Amino acid sequence: MAAISGKRRMGDGYEPHVDDIEGRLIYSLPVDSGHVSLSFEYEIEAGDLAVLLDDAYRRAVLHWVLHTKLQPTITGMAGKISQADFRALLSEILHSPIEDVERMIEAVNRRHNIRLQHYIRLDLAQER
């Protein structure tokens, strides 16, 4: 997707970020898979941004769950994640009880043979 310029509301550099583009909040996530690097963009709401800004843990969970789910889409091993799919994922991660979030992490770990907690801890360490 094309790079978007607008007022940055969250994030810096090569990390998930949110830009305000003419009143629309756009969550962007760069994803690498081998030698291919793409940026995925999805619209979010003000309430979502508030959680992302206030809760570093949920912000890190969204980053790594979404990254893990998007990587196979680059190589065609999985279908694209639509705005509706993203919205459902976003709602579960940002607005569900933390126990549900933890169950989701474990499900992604099993499905993708990964330990997301490692990457989540790296994000949280950078917050300090």
Protein backbone atom coordinates (compact mmCIF):
# COMPACT_ATOMS: atom_id res chain seq x y z
CA MET A 1 0.00 0.00 0.00
CA ALA A 2 1.10 3.55 -0.60
CA ALA A 3 2.63 5.56 2.20
CA ILE A 4 0.17 7.92 3.83
CA SER A 5 1.13 11.33 5.09
CA GLY A 6 -0.86 13.04 7.78
CA LYS A 7 -0.71 14.00 11.43
CA ARG A 8 0.99 11.20 13.39
CA ARG A 9 -1.06 10.26 16.46
CA MET A 10 0.94 7.22 17.62
CA GLY A 11 4.22 5.50 16.80
CA ASP A 12 7.54 6.38 15.24
CA GLY A 13 9.83 4.90 12.63
CA TYR A 14 9.37 1.31 11.51
CA GLU A 15 6.69 0.33 14.02
CA PRO A 16 2.90 0.29 14.12
CA HIS A 17 1.59 3.83 13.90
CA VAL A 18 -1.64 5.79 13.62
CA ASP A 19 -2.05 8.79 11.37
CA ASP A 20 -4.95 11.23 11.25
CA ILE A 21 -5.73 11.63 7.55
CA GLU A 22 -8.43 14.20 6.98
CA GLY A 23 -10.28 13.11 10.11
CA ARG A 24 -9.83 9.37 9.51
CA LEU A 25 -7.57 7.44 11.90
CA ILE A 26 -5.41 4.95 9.99
CA TYR A 27 -3.53 2.18 11.83
CA SER A 28 -0.50 1.15 9.75
CA LEU A 29 1.68 -1.87 10.36
CA PRO A 30 4.85 -2.69 8.41
CA VAL A 31 5.25 -6.46 7.91
CA ASP A 32 8.25 -8.37 6.61
CA SER A 33 8.21 -11.87 5.14
CA GLY A 34 11.56 -12.95 3.82
CA HIS A 35 12.74 -10.27 1.42
CA VAL A 36 9.28 -8.70 1.02
CA SER A 37 8.20 -5.77 3.17
CA LEU A 38 4.71 -4.26 2.99
CA SER A 39 2.66 -1.87 5.06
CA PHE A 40 -0.94 -2.73 5.89
CA GLU A 41 -3.42 -0.01 6.73
CA TYR A 42 -6.78 -0.17 8.49
CA GLU A 43 -9.16 2.45 9.76
CA ILE A 44 -9.73 2.66 13.51
CA GLU A 45 -11.97 4.76 15.77
CA ALA A 46 -11.07 7.32 18.42
CA GLY A 47 -11.91 4.86 21.22
CA ASP A 48 -9.46 2.36 19.72
CA LEU A 49 -6.72 4.98 19.59
CA ALA A 50 -7.40 5.88 23.23
CA VAL A 51 -6.80 2.25 24.27
CA LEU A 52 -3.69 2.00 22.08
CA LEU A 53 -2.25 5.12 23.71
CA ASP A 54 -3.18 4.11 27.27
CA ASP A 55 -2.45 0.37 27.31
CA ALA A 56 1.03 -0.65 26.16
CA TYR A 57 0.27 -4.34 26.67
CA ARG A 58 -2.80 -4.39 24.41
CA ARG A 59 -0.93 -2.23 21.88
CA ALA A 60 1.90 -4.81 21.79
CA VAL A 61 -0.57 -7.70 21.54
CA LEU A 62 -2.28 -6.08 18.56
CA HIS A 63 1.09 -5.47 16.92
CA TRP A 64 2.26 -9.08 17.16
CA VAL A 65 -1.04 -10.90 16.65
CA LEU A 66 -1.74 -8.83 13.56
CA HIS A 67 1.85 -9.15 12.29
CA THR A 68 1.67 -12.94 12.69
CA LYS A 69 -1.65 -13.13 10.88
CA LEU A 70 -0.55 -10.78 8.07
CA GLN A 71 2.78 -12.45 7.27
CA PRO A 72 1.23 -15.43 5.42
CA THR A 73 -0.89 -13.06 3.34
CA ILE A 74 2.27 -11.65 1.73
CA THR A 75 3.26 -15.01 0.30
CA GLY A 76 -0.28 -16.00 -0.63
CA MET A 77 -0.40 -18.73 2.02
CA ALA A 78 -3.44 -17.05 3.57
CA GLY A 79 -6.22 -14.78 2.39
CA LYS A 80 -6.10 -11.05 2.96
CA ILE A 81 -7.38 -9.55 6.18
CA SER A 82 -10.32 -7.29 5.36
CA GLN A 83 -11.33 -4.18 7.27
CA ALA A 84 -14.15 -6.25 8.86
CA ASP A 85 -11.67 -8.99 9.88
CA PHE A 86 -9.35 -6.36 11.32
CA ARG A 87 -12.24 -4.70 13.18
CA ALA A 88 -13.18 -8.02 14.82
CA LEU A 89 -9.56 -8.64 15.81
CA LEU A 90 -9.18 -5.09 17.09
CA SER A 91 -12.36 -5.34 19.16
CA GLU A 92 -11.23 -8.58 20.73
CA ILE A 93 -7.74 -7.35 21.59
CA LEU A 94 -8.56 -3.80 22.69
CA HIS A 95 -12.04 -4.10 24.17
CA SER A 96 -12.43 -7.65 25.54
CA PRO A 97 -11.60 -8.86 29.05
CA ILE A 98 -7.88 -9.59 29.39
CA GLU A 99 -8.61 -13.31 29.88
CA ASP A 100 -10.04 -13.41 26.34
CA VAL A 101 -6.95 -11.64 25.02
CA GLU A 102 -4.70 -14.21 26.71
CA ARG A 103 -6.73 -17.07 25.18
CA MET A 104 -6.36 -15.47 21.76
CA ILE A 105 -2.59 -15.22 22.20
CA GLU A 106 -2.41 -18.92 23.05
CA ALA A 107 -4.56 -19.81 20.03
CA VAL A 108 -2.30 -17.79 17.72
CA ASN A 109 0.76 -19.41 19.32
CA ARG A 110 -0.60 -22.89 18.57
CA ARG A 111 -1.80 -22.09 15.06
CA HIS A 112 1.41 -20.37 13.97
CA ASN A 113 3.91 -22.32 16.10
CA ILE A 114 5.20 -19.16 17.76
CA ARG A 115 5.61 -17.64 21.24
CA LEU A 116 4.11 -14.17 20.91
CA GLN A 117 4.89 -13.40 24.56
CA HIS A 118 8.57 -13.02 23.60
CA TYR A 119 7.82 -10.31 21.04
CA ILE A 120 5.26 -8.65 23.28
CA ARG A 121 7.89 -8.41 26.05
CA LEU A 122 10.34 -6.81 23.58
CA ASP A 123 7.76 -4.13 22.73
CA LEU A 124 7.04 -3.51 26.40
CA ALA A 125 10.77 -3.22 27.20
CA GLN A 126 11.07 -0.44 24.63
CA GLU A 127 8.28 1.47 26.41
CA ARG A 128 10.46 1.98 29.49
